[in-house]
Structures are given as structure tokens and as C-alpha cells.
Amino acid sequence: MMQEKDMVNDVLSMLNSSITGYANIIVQSSNPEFRQTIQQIRNSDETFQYDLYKVAEQKGYYKPAIPADQSDILQVRSQVGG
């Protein structure tokens, strides 16, 4: 039997894959209505993914990476022209 932690991590993983797939579909779609529908689905999944992530973090199922320091952020920003 799967533990809750495993189920949460599986759902988060599936959502991440789905969101990536939606992005690929959106950029390749020429039908405005279809594109808008997929964008709405993606937005909904992104909201659900973030809410589930917050629960996983609160329960100790997920440990985020150490935040980047300001010098790293500035370096990346200068490299990408931002």
C-alpha cells in the first residue's frame, strides 16, 4: 500500500509533466479557442500543483532547495539580458 507521502509526490510529478505538456500544446496551437481551453486547464493545474506543494512542504514531504543568494540571481539576470 502506498503511503500518503508517496501518493502526494506521485501527483506532484504527474502535474509537473502535464503542465510541461500543456505548454508544448499551447505554443503549437493555431486555434484560439483550443489554445484558450488548454491555457485554462494549465492554469488550473498550476494552482492545484502549488496548493498541493504547500501541503507537502507543511507535512515535511518536500524540502525545497536552499534559496539562491542575491549575487547568483543578479548573475543569471545579466546573462539572460534581464
C-alpha atoms as a PDB file:
ATOM      1  CA  MET A   1       0.000   0.000   0.000  1.00  0.00           C
ATOM      2  CA  MET A   2       1.301   3.435  -0.902  1.00  0.00           C
ATOM      3  CA  GLN A   3       1.923   5.891   1.873  1.00  0.00           C
ATOM      4  CA  GLU A   4       0.429   9.391   1.722  1.00  0.00           C
ATOM      5  CA  LYS A   5       3.855  10.917   1.082  1.00  0.00           C
ATOM      6  CA  ASP A   6       4.380   8.685  -1.958  1.00  0.00           C
ATOM      7  CA  MET A   7       0.929   9.494  -3.337  1.00  0.00           C
ATOM      8  CA  VAL A   8       1.482  13.237  -2.929  1.00  0.00           C
ATOM      9  CA  ASN A   9       4.866  13.042  -4.629  1.00  0.00           C
ATOM     10  CA  ASP A  10       3.403  10.984  -7.484  1.00  0.00           C
ATOM     11  CA  VAL A  11       0.618  13.514  -8.045  1.00  0.00           C
ATOM     12  CA  LEU A  12       3.098  16.405  -7.961  1.00  0.00           C
ATOM     13  CA  SER A  13       5.269  14.611 -10.506  1.00  0.00           C
ATOM     14  CA  MET A  14       2.305  13.910 -12.800  1.00  0.00           C
ATOM     15  CA  LEU A  15       1.150  17.521 -12.554  1.00  0.00           C
ATOM     16  CA  ASN A  16       4.603  18.803 -13.455  1.00  0.00           C
ATOM     17  CA  SER A  17       4.660  16.562 -16.524  1.00  0.00           C
ATOM     18  CA  SER A  18       1.152  17.624 -17.531  1.00  0.00           C
ATOM     19  CA  ILE A  19       1.946  21.315 -17.161  1.00  0.00           C
ATOM     20  CA  THR A  20       5.006  20.899 -19.397  1.00  0.00           C
ATOM     21  CA  GLY A  21       2.884  19.047 -21.949  1.00  0.00           C
ATOM     22  CA  TYR A  22       0.243  21.772 -21.914  1.00  0.00           C
ATOM     23  CA  ALA A  23       2.895  24.396 -22.598  1.00  0.00           C
ATOM     24  CA  ASN A  24       4.041  22.450 -25.667  1.00  0.00           C
ATOM     25  CA  ILE A  25       0.474  22.141 -26.936  1.00  0.00           C
ATOM     26  CA  ILE A  26      -0.237  25.844 -26.367  1.00  0.00           C
ATOM     27  CA  VAL A  27       2.757  27.083 -28.360  1.00  0.00           C
ATOM     28  CA  GLN A  28       1.894  24.772 -31.260  1.00  0.00           C
ATOM     29  CA  SER A  29      -1.824  25.526 -31.403  1.00  0.00           C
ATOM     30  CA  SER A  30      -3.236  27.825 -34.065  1.00  0.00           C
ATOM     31  CA  ASN A  31      -6.872  27.506 -32.954  1.00  0.00           C
ATOM     32  CA  PRO A  32      -7.583  30.361 -30.481  1.00  0.00           C
ATOM     33  CA  GLU A  33     -10.435  28.568 -28.699  1.00  0.00           C
ATOM     34  CA  PHE A  34      -8.466  25.354 -28.282  1.00  0.00           C
ATOM     35  CA  ARG A  35      -5.432  27.322 -27.125  1.00  0.00           C
ATOM     36  CA  GLN A  36      -7.514  29.197 -24.541  1.00  0.00           C
ATOM     37  CA  THR A  37      -9.032  25.952 -23.250  1.00  0.00           C
ATOM     38  CA  ILE A  38      -5.611  24.354 -22.770  1.00  0.00           C
ATOM     39  CA  GLN A  39      -4.350  27.529 -21.077  1.00  0.00           C
ATOM     40  CA  GLN A  40      -7.260  27.371 -18.634  1.00  0.00           C
ATOM     41  CA  ILE A  41      -6.524  23.713 -17.880  1.00  0.00           C
ATOM     42  CA  ARG A  42      -2.832  24.519 -17.403  1.00  0.00           C
ATOM     43  CA  ASN A  43      -3.632  27.435 -15.086  1.00  0.00           C
ATOM     44  CA  SER A  44      -5.931  25.236 -13.017  1.00  0.00           C
ATOM     45  CA  ASP A  45      -3.286  22.514 -12.759  1.00  0.00           C
ATOM     46  CA  GLU A  46      -0.635  25.079 -11.787  1.00  0.00           C
ATOM     47  CA  THR A  47      -2.855  26.346  -8.968  1.00  0.00           C
ATOM     48  CA  PHE A  48      -3.570  22.796  -7.778  1.00  0.00           C
ATOM     49  CA  GLN A  49       0.132  21.883  -8.021  1.00  0.00           C
ATOM     50  CA  TYR A  50       1.133  24.879  -5.887  1.00  0.00           C
ATOM     51  CA  ASP A  51      -1.557  24.183  -3.285  1.00  0.00           C
ATOM     52  CA  LEU A  52      -0.507  20.532  -3.057  1.00  0.00           C
ATOM     53  CA  TYR A  53       3.156  21.558  -2.860  1.00  0.00           C
ATOM     54  CA  LYS A  54       2.360  23.805   0.127  1.00  0.00           C
ATOM     55  CA  VAL A  55       0.629  20.887   1.888  1.00  0.00           C
ATOM     56  CA  ALA A  56       3.568  18.578   1.126  1.00  0.00           C
ATOM     57  CA  GLU A  57       6.018  21.130   2.464  1.00  0.00           C
ATOM     58  CA  GLN A  58       3.977  21.646   5.664  1.00  0.00           C
ATOM     59  CA  LYS A  59       3.863  17.885   6.271  1.00  0.00           C
ATOM     60  CA  GLY A  60       7.597  17.549   5.674  1.00  0.00           C
ATOM     61  CA  TYR A  61       7.133  15.520   2.471  1.00  0.00           C
ATOM     62  CA  TYR A  62       9.083  18.015   0.408  1.00  0.00           C
ATOM     63  CA  LYS A  63      12.169  20.013   1.288  1.00  0.00           C
ATOM     64  CA  PRO A  64      12.762  22.919  -1.100  1.00  0.00           C
ATOM     65  CA  ALA A  65      16.245  23.749  -2.284  1.00  0.00           C
ATOM     66  CA  ILE A  66      18.178  26.446  -0.491  1.00  0.00           C
ATOM     67  CA  PRO A  67      17.180  29.817  -1.990  1.00  0.00           C
ATOM     68  CA  ALA A  68      19.668  31.412  -4.365  1.00  0.00           C
ATOM     69  CA  ASP A  69      21.537  34.366  -2.947  1.00  0.00           C
ATOM     70  CA  GLN A  70      21.199  37.806  -4.492  1.00  0.00           C
ATOM     71  CA  SER A  71      24.566  37.662  -6.305  1.00  0.00           C
ATOM     72  CA  ASP A  72      23.539  34.430  -8.088  1.00  0.00           C
ATOM     73  CA  ILE A  73      20.236  35.985  -9.113  1.00  0.00           C
ATOM     74  CA  LEU A  74      21.960  39.108 -10.470  1.00  0.00           C
ATOM     75  CA  GLN A  75      24.489  36.978 -12.362  1.00  0.00           C
ATOM     76  CA  VAL A  76      21.781  34.910 -14.085  1.00  0.00           C
ATOM     77  CA  ARG A  77      19.767  38.034 -14.813  1.00  0.00           C
ATOM     78  CA  SER A  78      22.750  39.674 -16.517  1.00  0.00           C
ATOM     79  CA  GLN A  79      23.394  36.527 -18.578  1.00  0.00           C
ATOM     80  CA  VAL A  80      19.855  36.424 -19.942  1.00  0.00           C
ATOM     81  CA  GLY A  81      19.645  40.139 -20.577  1.00  0.00           C
ATOM     82  CA  GLY A  82      17.144  40.998 -17.874  1.00  0.00           C
END
